[in-house]
């Protein structure tokens, strides 16, 4: 059965990934060198019970999002990721789809930025991965599902974010988001999920529909942002957006000027925040 093969594949690859390779502390006595189910669940943003049922073949038909999350958590190569999709009974996303694969080399880069808030988005601004400090700064996204994970949806339809802008800056930010999404839609015209997102944004946000129909152009780029955190107060941080060549991933990094109150508050968040990788 495909479900049994999928579960066996996940278990086999879980056993070969050490906590250190996944960016987690090893800690304590371990019966095996690989990841525990609890650790894989944490990395993938999936319940332990669901992973148990998948590995035992009692859960069938995992969604594309679940397979993608497991592939990232297990640090799979492109070929291994394609195999995981196939044994799940799914067609691996092709070149016509917005890429969501985070390569092991990019994962290792993110592991080395543990002291900096970092998030990884795809070209449609759907959140793929955050580190603990980003979750502490901007809110833990592990419970977000569907459109809630999309930054454009959250700004136009959802609750927004902890970033505060002037009305003028907010309008410019919205126009840049829409222009950026338009460029992505032009690059991936056959992506059905992207087309559905745009249709739902137009149906649920008059402001988005107005900007989309006006042909707004722009790109969400580096800027200085003020984040209002409920525990440590406002932090004014530099936000840089890096692109990964060949994948269209966007790596968002927040940094504070050294020896400032903002740097102190960010350091305090590192103490208050969670200690493990969080994936949406």
C-alpha atoms as a PDB file:
ATOM      1  CA  UNK A   1       0.000   0.000   0.000  1.00  0.00           C
ATOM      2  CA  UNK A   2       1.168   3.511  -0.808  1.00  0.00           C
ATOM      3  CA  UNK A   3       0.306   4.732   2.695  1.00  0.00           C
ATOM      4  CA  UNK A   4       2.520   2.014   4.237  1.00  0.00           C
ATOM      5  CA  UNK A   5       5.399   2.823   1.901  1.00  0.00           C
ATOM      6  CA  UNK A   6       5.050   6.524   2.716  1.00  0.00           C
ATOM      7  CA  UNK A   7       5.180   5.842   6.437  1.00  0.00           C
ATOM      8  CA  UNK A   8       8.150   3.526   6.100  1.00  0.00           C
ATOM      9  CA  UNK A   9       9.976   6.120   4.016  1.00  0.00           C
ATOM     10  CA  UNK A  10       9.359   8.857   6.568  1.00  0.00           C
ATOM     11  CA  UNK A  11      10.525   6.579   9.390  1.00  0.00           C
ATOM     12  CA  UNK A  12      13.660   5.526   7.508  1.00  0.00           C
ATOM     13  CA  UNK A  13      14.628   9.113   6.726  1.00  0.00           C
ATOM     14  CA  UNK A  14      13.766  10.278  10.244  1.00  0.00           C
ATOM     15  CA  UNK A  15      16.213   7.731  11.624  1.00  0.00           C
ATOM     16  CA  UNK A  16      19.094   9.085   9.556  1.00  0.00           C
ATOM     17  CA  UNK A  17      18.711  12.784  10.548  1.00  0.00           C
ATOM     18  CA  UNK A  18      20.530  13.704  13.733  1.00  0.00           C
ATOM     19  CA  UNK A  19      19.180  16.483  15.963  1.00  0.00           C
ATOM     20  CA  UNK A  20      22.343  18.495  15.304  1.00  0.00           C
ATOM     21  CA  UNK A  21      21.834  18.216  11.535  1.00  0.00           C
ATOM     22  CA  UNK A  22      18.288  19.511  11.978  1.00  0.00           C
ATOM     23  CA  UNK A  23      19.410  22.471  14.057  1.00  0.00           C
ATOM     24  CA  UNK A  24      18.242  20.989  17.375  1.00  0.00           C
ATOM     25  CA  UNK A  25      20.203  20.307  20.560  1.00  0.00           C
ATOM     26  CA  UNK A  26      20.923  16.578  21.037  1.00  0.00           C
ATOM     27  CA  UNK A  27      20.492  16.545  24.819  1.00  0.00           C
ATOM     28  CA  UNK A  28      19.950  13.545  27.101  1.00  0.00           C
ATOM     29  CA  UNK A  29      20.170   9.810  26.499  1.00  0.00           C
ATOM     30  CA  UNK A  30      18.941   8.696  23.073  1.00  0.00           C
ATOM     31  CA  UNK A  31      18.191   5.160  21.987  1.00  0.00           C
ATOM     32  CA  UNK A  32      18.832   6.093  18.359  1.00  0.00           C
ATOM     33  CA  UNK A  33      20.837   8.762  16.573  1.00  0.00           C
ATOM     34  CA  UNK A  34      17.929  10.018  14.482  1.00  0.00           C
ATOM     35  CA  UNK A  35      15.081  12.391  15.204  1.00  0.00           C
ATOM     36  CA  UNK A  36      12.376  11.459  17.672  1.00  0.00           C
ATOM     37  CA  UNK A  37       8.801  11.703  16.447  1.00  0.00           C
ATOM     38  CA  UNK A  38       8.278  14.651  18.773  1.00  0.00           C
ATOM     39  CA  UNK A  39      11.216  16.466  17.172  1.00  0.00           C
ATOM     40  CA  UNK A  40      10.031  15.781  13.633  1.00  0.00           C
ATOM     41  CA  UNK A  41       6.555  16.994  14.621  1.00  0.00           C
ATOM     42  CA  UNK A  42       8.028  20.207  15.986  1.00  0.00           C
ATOM     43  CA  UNK A  43      10.157  20.806  12.903  1.00  0.00           C
ATOM     44  CA  UNK A  44       7.310  20.110  10.473  1.00  0.00           C
ATOM     45  CA  UNK A  45       4.498  21.797  12.415  1.00  0.00           C
ATOM     46  CA  UNK A  46       2.522  18.541  12.470  1.00  0.00           C
ATOM     47  CA  UNK A  47       1.067  16.759  15.492  1.00  0.00           C
ATOM     48  CA  UNK A  48       2.971  13.804  16.946  1.00  0.00           C
ATOM     49  CA  UNK A  49      -0.170  11.702  16.716  1.00  0.00           C
ATOM     50  CA  UNK A  50      -0.498  12.376  12.982  1.00  0.00           C
ATOM     51  CA  UNK A  51       3.150  11.481  12.330  1.00  0.00           C
ATOM     52  CA  UNK A  52       2.656   8.267  14.322  1.00  0.00           C
ATOM     53  CA  UNK A  53      -0.388   7.352  12.237  1.00  0.00           C
ATOM     54  CA  UNK A  54       1.465   8.192   9.011  1.00  0.00           C
ATOM     55  CA  UNK A  55       4.425   6.009   9.943  1.00  0.00           C
ATOM     56  CA  UNK A  56       2.154   3.136  10.944  1.00  0.00           C
ATOM     57  CA  UNK A  57       0.127   3.406   7.723  1.00  0.00           C
ATOM     58  CA  UNK A  58      -3.059   4.304   9.626  1.00  0.00           C
ATOM     59  CA  UNK A  59      -3.272   7.795   8.082  1.00  0.00           C
ATOM     60  CA  UNK A  60      -3.694   7.993   4.329  1.00  0.00           C
ATOM     61  CA  UNK A  61      -3.621  10.688   1.675  1.00  0.00           C
ATOM     62  CA  UNK A  62      -1.315  13.272   3.294  1.00  0.00           C
ATOM     63  CA  UNK A  63      -1.768  16.689   1.755  1.00  0.00           C
ATOM     64  CA  UNK A  64       0.796  18.385  -0.439  1.00  0.00           C
ATOM     65  CA  UNK A  65       1.469  20.850   2.402  1.00  0.00           C
ATOM     66  CA  UNK A  66       2.184  18.007   4.845  1.00  0.00           C
ATOM     67  CA  UNK A  67       4.547  16.263   2.428  1.00  0.00           C
ATOM     68  CA  UNK A  68       6.328  19.544   1.712  1.00  0.00           C
ATOM     69  CA  UNK A  69       6.723  20.261   5.437  1.00  0.00           C
ATOM     70  CA  UNK A  70       8.073  16.774   6.128  1.00  0.00           C
ATOM     71  CA  UNK A  71      10.505  17.088   3.241  1.00  0.00           C
ATOM     72  CA  UNK A  72      11.884  20.332   4.647  1.00  0.00           C
ATOM     73  CA  UNK A  73      12.101  18.962   8.195  1.00  0.00           C
ATOM     74  CA  UNK A  74      13.933  15.849   6.973  1.00  0.00           C
ATOM     75  CA  UNK A  75      16.403  17.923   4.929  1.00  0.00           C
ATOM     76  CA  UNK A  76      15.595  16.040   1.716  1.00  0.00           C
ATOM     77  CA  UNK A  77      17.365  16.606  -1.567  1.00  0.00           C
ATOM     78  CA  UNK A  78      15.310  17.491  -4.630  1.00  0.00           C
ATOM     79  CA  UNK A  79      15.271  13.848  -5.770  1.00  0.00           C
ATOM     80  CA  UNK A  80      14.270  12.550  -2.332  1.00  0.00           C
ATOM     81  CA  UNK A  81      11.535  15.154  -2.070  1.00  0.00           C
ATOM     82  CA  UNK A  82      10.134  14.056  -5.438  1.00  0.00           C
ATOM     83  CA  UNK A  83      10.169  10.428  -4.222  1.00  0.00           C
ATOM     84  CA  UNK A  84       8.308  11.370  -1.040  1.00  0.00           C
ATOM     85  CA  UNK A  85       5.581  13.017  -3.123  1.00  0.00           C
ATOM     86  CA  UNK A  86       5.340   9.944  -5.325  1.00  0.00           C
ATOM     87  CA  UNK A  87       4.974   7.462  -2.456  1.00  0.00           C
ATOM     88  CA  UNK A  88       2.301   9.783  -1.020  1.00  0.00           C
ATOM     89  CA  UNK A  89       0.366   9.350  -4.253  1.00  0.00           C
ATOM     90  CA  UNK A  90       0.951  12.961  -5.290  1.00  0.00           C
ATOM     91  CA  UNK A  91       2.545  14.553  -8.315  1.00  0.00           C
ATOM     92  CA  UNK A  92       5.659  16.519  -7.289  1.00  0.00           C
ATOM     93  CA  UNK A  93       5.255  20.247  -7.953  1.00  0.00           C
ATOM     94  CA  UNK A  94       6.669  21.066 -11.366  1.00  0.00           C
ATOM     95  CA  UNK A  95       8.485  24.044 -12.756  1.00  0.00           C
ATOM     96  CA  UNK A  96       5.164  25.770 -13.405  1.00  0.00           C
ATOM     97  CA  UNK A  97       4.477  25.933  -9.652  1.00  0.00           C
ATOM     98  CA  UNK A  98       5.821  28.497  -7.200  1.00  0.00           C
ATOM     99  CA  UNK A  99       8.851  26.732  -5.649  1.00  0.00           C
ATOM    100  CA  UNK A 100       8.568  25.786  -1.974  1.00  0.00           C
ATOM    101  CA  UNK A 101      11.596  23.495  -1.589  1.00  0.00           C
ATOM    102  CA  UNK A 102      14.253  24.643   0.885  1.00  0.00           C
ATOM    103  CA  UNK A 103      17.519  22.919   0.043  1.00  0.00           C
ATOM    104  CA  UNK A 104      19.693  21.398   2.800  1.00  0.00           C
ATOM    105  CA  UNK A 105      22.347  24.060   2.136  1.00  0.00           C
ATOM    106  CA  UNK A 106      19.848  26.859   2.754  1.00  0.00           C
ATOM    107  CA  UNK A 107      18.678  25.012   5.868  1.00  0.00           C
ATOM    108  CA  UNK A 108      22.252  24.973   7.157  1.00  0.00           C
ATOM    109  CA  UNK A 109      22.546  28.701   6.496  1.00  0.00           C
ATOM    110  CA  UNK A 110      19.390  29.314   8.526  1.00  0.00           C
ATOM    111  CA  UNK A 111      20.719  27.164  11.370  1.00  0.00           C
ATOM    112  CA  UNK A 112      23.703  29.520  11.640  1.00  0.00           C
ATOM    113  CA  UNK A 113      21.406  32.530  12.032  1.00  0.00           C
ATOM    114  CA  UNK A 114      19.824  31.295  15.253  1.00  0.00           C
ATOM    115  CA  UNK A 115      20.479  34.615  16.998  1.00  0.00           C
ATOM    116  CA  UNK A 116      18.666  36.596  14.300  1.00  0.00           C
ATOM    117  CA  UNK A 117      14.927  36.629  13.465  1.00  0.00           C
ATOM    118  CA  UNK A 118      14.622  34.828  10.115  1.00  0.00           C
ATOM    119  CA  UNK A 119      11.637  33.736   8.029  1.00  0.00           C
ATOM    120  CA  UNK A 120      11.522  32.044   4.627  1.00  0.00           C
ATOM    121  CA  UNK A 121       8.699  32.784   2.179  1.00  0.00           C
ATOM    122  CA  UNK A 122       7.969  31.534  -1.308  1.00  0.00           C
ATOM    123  CA  UNK A 123       7.538  33.927  -4.230  1.00  0.00           C
ATOM    124  CA  UNK A 124       3.825  34.363  -3.418  1.00  0.00           C
ATOM    125  CA  UNK A 125       4.699  35.391   0.162  1.00  0.00           C
ATOM    126  CA  UNK A 126       3.460  32.163   1.707  1.00  0.00           C
ATOM    127  CA  UNK A 127       5.380  31.463   4.901  1.00  0.00           C
ATOM    128  CA  UNK A 128       7.463  28.283   4.749  1.00  0.00           C
ATOM    129  CA  UNK A 129       9.749  28.448   7.744  1.00  0.00           C
ATOM    130  CA  UNK A 130      10.612  30.628  10.723  1.00  0.00           C
ATOM    131  CA  UNK A 131      13.230  30.291  13.419  1.00  0.00           C
ATOM    132  CA  UNK A 132      12.383  30.632  17.128  1.00  0.00           C
ATOM    133  CA  UNK A 133      13.486  34.259  17.406  1.00  0.00           C
ATOM    134  CA  UNK A 134      11.281  35.294  14.478  1.00  0.00           C
ATOM    135  CA  UNK A 135       8.346  33.482  16.099  1.00  0.00           C
ATOM    136  CA  UNK A 136       9.051  35.315  19.356  1.00  0.00           C
ATOM    137  CA  UNK A 137       9.228  38.651  17.532  1.00  0.00           C
ATOM    138  CA  UNK A 138       6.309  38.398  15.105  1.00  0.00           C
ATOM    139  CA  UNK A 139       4.058  35.704  16.710  1.00  0.00           C
ATOM    140  CA  UNK A 140       4.203  31.927  16.517  1.00  0.00           C
ATOM    141  CA  UNK A 141       2.781  30.807  13.133  1.00  0.00           C
ATOM    142  CA  UNK A 142       2.680  27.072  13.905  1.00  0.00           C
ATOM    143  CA  UNK A 143      -1.133  27.053  14.187  1.00  0.00           C
ATOM    144  CA  UNK A 144      -1.721  29.015  10.972  1.00  0.00           C
ATOM    145  CA  UNK A 145      -3.312  27.052   8.151  1.00  0.00           C
ATOM    146  CA  UNK A 146      -4.252  27.737   4.532  1.00  0.00           C
ATOM    147  CA  UNK A 147      -4.379  31.403   3.566  1.00  0.00           C
ATOM    148  CA  UNK A 148      -3.420  32.402   7.119  1.00  0.00           C
ATOM    149  CA  UNK A 149       0.157  31.490   6.190  1.00  0.00           C
ATOM    150  CA  UNK A 150       0.241  33.983   3.334  1.00  0.00           C
ATOM    151  CA  UNK A 151       1.676  37.385   4.238  1.00  0.00           C
ATOM    152  CA  UNK A 152      -0.374  39.228   1.626  1.00  0.00           C
ATOM    153  CA  UNK A 153      -3.606  37.633   2.850  1.00  0.00           C
ATOM    154  CA  UNK A 154      -2.783  38.486   6.453  1.00  0.00           C
ATOM    155  CA  UNK A 155      -2.188  42.135   5.541  1.00  0.00           C
ATOM    156  CA  UNK A 156      -5.281  42.626   3.380  1.00  0.00           C
ATOM    157  CA  UNK A 157      -7.810  40.216   4.907  1.00  0.00           C
ATOM    158  CA  UNK A 158      -6.403  38.807   8.132  1.00  0.00           C
ATOM    159  CA  UNK A 159      -5.214  40.397  11.371  1.00  0.00           C
ATOM    160  CA  UNK A 160      -2.113  42.040   9.915  1.00  0.00           C
ATOM    161  CA  UNK A 161       1.141  41.916  11.864  1.00  0.00           C
ATOM    162  CA  UNK A 162       2.919  43.558  14.775  1.00  0.00           C
ATOM    163  CA  UNK A 163       4.595  46.036  12.409  1.00  0.00           C
ATOM    164  CA  UNK A 164       3.239  49.587  12.713  1.00  0.00           C
ATOM    165  CA  UNK A 165       3.429  52.032   9.789  1.00  0.00           C
ATOM    166  CA  UNK A 166       2.162  55.492   9.013  1.00  0.00           C
ATOM    167  CA  UNK A 167      -0.910  55.591   6.711  1.00  0.00           C
ATOM    168  CA  UNK A 168       1.298  56.730   3.827  1.00  0.00           C
ATOM    169  CA  UNK A 169       3.856  53.987   4.440  1.00  0.00           C
ATOM    170  CA  UNK A 170       1.072  51.416   4.739  1.00  0.00           C
ATOM    171  CA  UNK A 171      -0.356  52.400   1.358  1.00  0.00           C
ATOM    172  CA  UNK A 172       3.068  52.143  -0.259  1.00  0.00           C
ATOM    173  CA  UNK A 173       3.637  48.782   1.428  1.00  0.00           C
ATOM    174  CA  UNK A 174       0.315  47.432   0.140  1.00  0.00           C
ATOM    175  CA  UNK A 175       1.053  48.598  -3.406  1.00  0.00           C
ATOM    176  CA  UNK A 176       4.470  46.920  -3.264  1.00  0.00           C
ATOM    177  CA  UNK A 177       2.939  43.636  -2.071  1.00  0.00           C
ATOM    178  CA  UNK A 178       0.374  43.641  -4.892  1.00  0.00           C
ATOM    179  CA  UNK A 179       2.993  44.548  -7.482  1.00  0.00           C
ATOM    180  CA  UNK A 180       5.253  41.785  -6.215  1.00  0.00           C
ATOM    181  CA  UNK A 181       2.422  39.252  -6.391  1.00  0.00           C
ATOM    182  CA  UNK A 182       1.593  40.407  -9.924  1.00  0.00           C
ATOM    183  CA  UNK A 183       5.180  39.713 -10.996  1.00  0.00           C
ATOM    184  CA  UNK A 184       4.998  36.240  -9.443  1.00  0.00           C
ATOM    185  CA  UNK A 185       1.697  35.533 -11.186  1.00  0.00           C
ATOM    186  CA  UNK A 186       3.287  36.500 -14.511  1.00  0.00           C
ATOM    187  CA  UNK A 187       6.182  34.159 -13.848  1.00  0.00           C
ATOM    188  CA  UNK A 188       3.985  31.212 -12.779  1.00  0.00           C
ATOM    189  CA  UNK A 189       0.748  31.587 -14.777  1.00  0.00           C
ATOM    190  CA  UNK A 190      -0.093  27.865 -14.535  1.00  0.00           C
ATOM    191  CA  UNK A 191       0.060  27.686 -10.721  1.00  0.00           C
ATOM    192  CA  UNK A 192      -3.511  26.890  -9.701  1.00  0.00           C
ATOM    193  CA  UNK A 193      -2.940  27.603  -6.006  1.00  0.00           C
ATOM    194  CA  UNK A 194      -1.587  31.051  -6.861  1.00  0.00           C
ATOM    195  CA  UNK A 195      -4.542  31.815  -9.129  1.00  0.00           C
ATOM    196  CA  UNK A 196      -6.923  30.733  -6.369  1.00  0.00           C
ATOM    197  CA  UNK A 197      -5.149  32.945  -3.825  1.00  0.00           C
ATOM    198  CA  UNK A 198      -5.448  35.983  -6.099  1.00  0.00           C
ATOM    199  CA  UNK A 199      -9.139  35.298  -6.761  1.00  0.00           C
ATOM    200  CA  UNK A 200      -9.854  34.962  -3.042  1.00  0.00           C
ATOM    201  CA  UNK A 201      -7.928  38.138  -2.252  1.00  0.00           C
ATOM    202  CA  UNK A 202      -9.916  40.071  -4.861  1.00  0.00           C
ATOM    203  CA  UNK A 203     -13.176  38.685  -3.486  1.00  0.00           C
ATOM    204  CA  UNK A 204     -12.378  39.447   0.143  1.00  0.00           C
ATOM    205  CA  UNK A 205     -10.471  42.742   0.015  1.00  0.00           C
ATOM    206  CA  UNK A 206     -11.709  45.832  -1.829  1.00  0.00           C
ATOM    207  CA  UNK A 207      -8.314  47.459  -1.297  1.00  0.00           C
ATOM    208  CA  UNK A 208      -6.481  44.517  -2.893  1.00  0.00           C
ATOM    209  CA  UNK A 209      -8.947  44.432  -5.807  1.00  0.00           C
ATOM    210  CA  UNK A 210      -8.481  48.169  -6.337  1.00  0.00           C
ATOM    211  CA  UNK A 211      -4.705  47.887  -6.417  1.00  0.00           C
ATOM    212  CA  UNK A 212      -4.759  44.749  -8.565  1.00  0.00           C
ATOM    213  CA  UNK A 213      -7.107  46.295 -11.126  1.00  0.00           C
ATOM    214  CA  UNK A 214      -5.073  49.516 -11.186  1.00  0.00           C
ATOM    215  CA  UNK A 215      -1.986  47.600 -12.310  1.00  0.00           C
ATOM    216  CA  UNK A 216       0.057  48.554  -9.242  1.00  0.00           C
ATOM    217  CA  UNK A 217       3.734  47.743  -9.619  1.00  0.00           C
ATOM    218  CA  UNK A 218       6.461  47.460  -7.013  1.00  0.00           C
ATOM    219  CA  UNK A 219       8.445  45.022  -4.941  1.00  0.00           C
ATOM    220  CA  UNK A 220       8.611  44.329  -1.223  1.00  0.00           C
ATOM    221  CA  UNK A 221      12.219  45.138  -0.364  1.00  0.00           C
ATOM    222  CA  UNK A 222      14.481  46.130   2.506  1.00  0.00           C
ATOM    223  CA  UNK A 223      13.114  48.691   4.942  1.00  0.00           C
ATOM    224  CA  UNK A 224      13.209  49.836   8.549  1.00  0.00           C
ATOM    225  CA  UNK A 225      10.236  48.604  10.560  1.00  0.00           C
ATOM    226  CA  UNK A 226       8.865  49.233  14.028  1.00  0.00           C
ATOM    227  CA  UNK A 227       7.533  46.077  15.629  1.00  0.00           C
ATOM    228  CA  UNK A 228       5.228  46.523  18.635  1.00  0.00           C
ATOM    229  CA  UNK A 229       5.830  43.517  20.847  1.00  0.00           C
ATOM    230  CA  UNK A 230       3.348  42.869  23.687  1.00  0.00           C
ATOM    231  CA  UNK A 231       6.077  41.915  26.168  1.00  0.00           C
ATOM    232  CA  UNK A 232       9.204  43.943  25.413  1.00  0.00           C
ATOM    233  CA  UNK A 233       7.649  46.983  23.728  1.00  0.00           C
ATOM    234  CA  UNK A 234       8.505  48.591  20.369  1.00  0.00           C
ATOM    235  CA  UNK A 235      11.601  47.524  18.441  1.00  0.00           C
ATOM    236  CA  UNK A 236      12.863  49.466  15.435  1.00  0.00           C
ATOM    237  CA  UNK A 237      14.696  46.988  13.226  1.00  0.00           C
ATOM    238  CA  UNK A 238      16.178  46.790   9.762  1.00  0.00           C
ATOM    239  CA  UNK A 239      14.386  44.246   7.585  1.00  0.00           C
ATOM    240  CA  UNK A 240      16.320  42.816   4.647  1.00  0.00           C
ATOM    241  CA  UNK A 241      14.865  40.446   2.065  1.00  0.00           C
ATOM    242  CA  UNK A 242      17.374  38.116   0.413  1.00  0.00           C
ATOM    243  CA  UNK A 243      16.643  36.038  -2.695  1.00  0.00           C
ATOM    244  CA  UNK A 244      17.899  32.492  -3.217  1.00  0.00           C
ATOM    245  CA  UNK A 245      19.158  32.075  -6.770  1.00  0.00           C
ATOM    246  CA  UNK A 246      17.246  29.474  -8.746  1.00  0.00           C
ATOM    247  CA  UNK A 247      14.433  29.000  -6.234  1.00  0.00           C
ATOM    248  CA  UNK A 248      12.617  32.357  -5.873  1.00  0.00           C
ATOM    249  CA  UNK A 249      12.633  31.929  -2.093  1.00  0.00           C
ATOM    250  CA  UNK A 250      12.647  35.110  -0.010  1.00  0.00           C
ATOM    251  CA  UNK A 251      14.638  35.081   3.221  1.00  0.00           C
ATOM    252  CA  UNK A 252      13.497  37.864   5.546  1.00  0.00           C
ATOM    253  CA  UNK A 253      16.026  38.887   8.196  1.00  0.00           C
ATOM    254  CA  UNK A 254      15.558  41.399  11.018  1.00  0.00           C
ATOM    255  CA  UNK A 255      18.565  43.045  12.672  1.00  0.00           C
ATOM    256  CA  UNK A 256      19.052  45.806  15.252  1.00  0.00           C
ATOM    257  CA  UNK A 257      21.738  48.458  15.381  1.00  0.00           C
ATOM    258  CA  UNK A 258      24.409  47.392  17.905  1.00  0.00           C
ATOM    259  CA  UNK A 259      24.466  48.951  21.371  1.00  0.00           C
ATOM    260  CA  UNK A 260      20.915  50.272  21.184  1.00  0.00           C
ATOM    261  CA  UNK A 261      17.794  49.702  23.234  1.00  0.00           C
ATOM    262  CA  UNK A 262      16.370  47.855  20.243  1.00  0.00           C
ATOM    263  CA  UNK A 263      19.313  45.432  20.331  1.00  0.00           C
ATOM    264  CA  UNK A 264      18.772  44.872  24.045  1.00  0.00           C
ATOM    265  CA  UNK A 265      15.091  44.154  23.542  1.00  0.00           C
ATOM    266  CA  UNK A 266      15.856  41.752  20.713  1.00  0.00           C
ATOM    267  CA  UNK A 267      18.344  39.958  22.947  1.00  0.00           C
ATOM    268  CA  UNK A 268      15.681  39.739  25.658  1.00  0.00           C
ATOM    269  CA  UNK A 269      13.311  38.157  23.129  1.00  0.00           C
ATOM    270  CA  UNK A 270      15.953  35.508  22.520  1.00  0.00           C
ATOM    271  CA  UNK A 271      15.688  34.585  26.175  1.00  0.00           C
ATOM    272  CA  UNK A 272      11.885  34.683  26.234  1.00  0.00           C
ATOM    273  CA  UNK A 273      11.382  32.871  22.932  1.00  0.00           C
ATOM    274  CA  UNK A 274      11.134  29.184  22.144  1.00  0.00           C
ATOM    275  CA  UNK A 275      14.237  27.038  21.737  1.00  0.00           C
ATOM    276  CA  UNK A 276      13.355  24.974  18.673  1.00  0.00           C
ATOM    277  CA  UNK A 277      12.653  25.514  15.001  1.00  0.00           C
ATOM    278  CA  UNK A 278       9.026  26.350  14.203  1.00  0.00           C
ATOM    279  CA  UNK A 279       7.557  25.502  10.795  1.00  0.00           C
ATOM    280  CA  UNK A 280       4.186  26.553   9.496  1.00  0.00           C
END
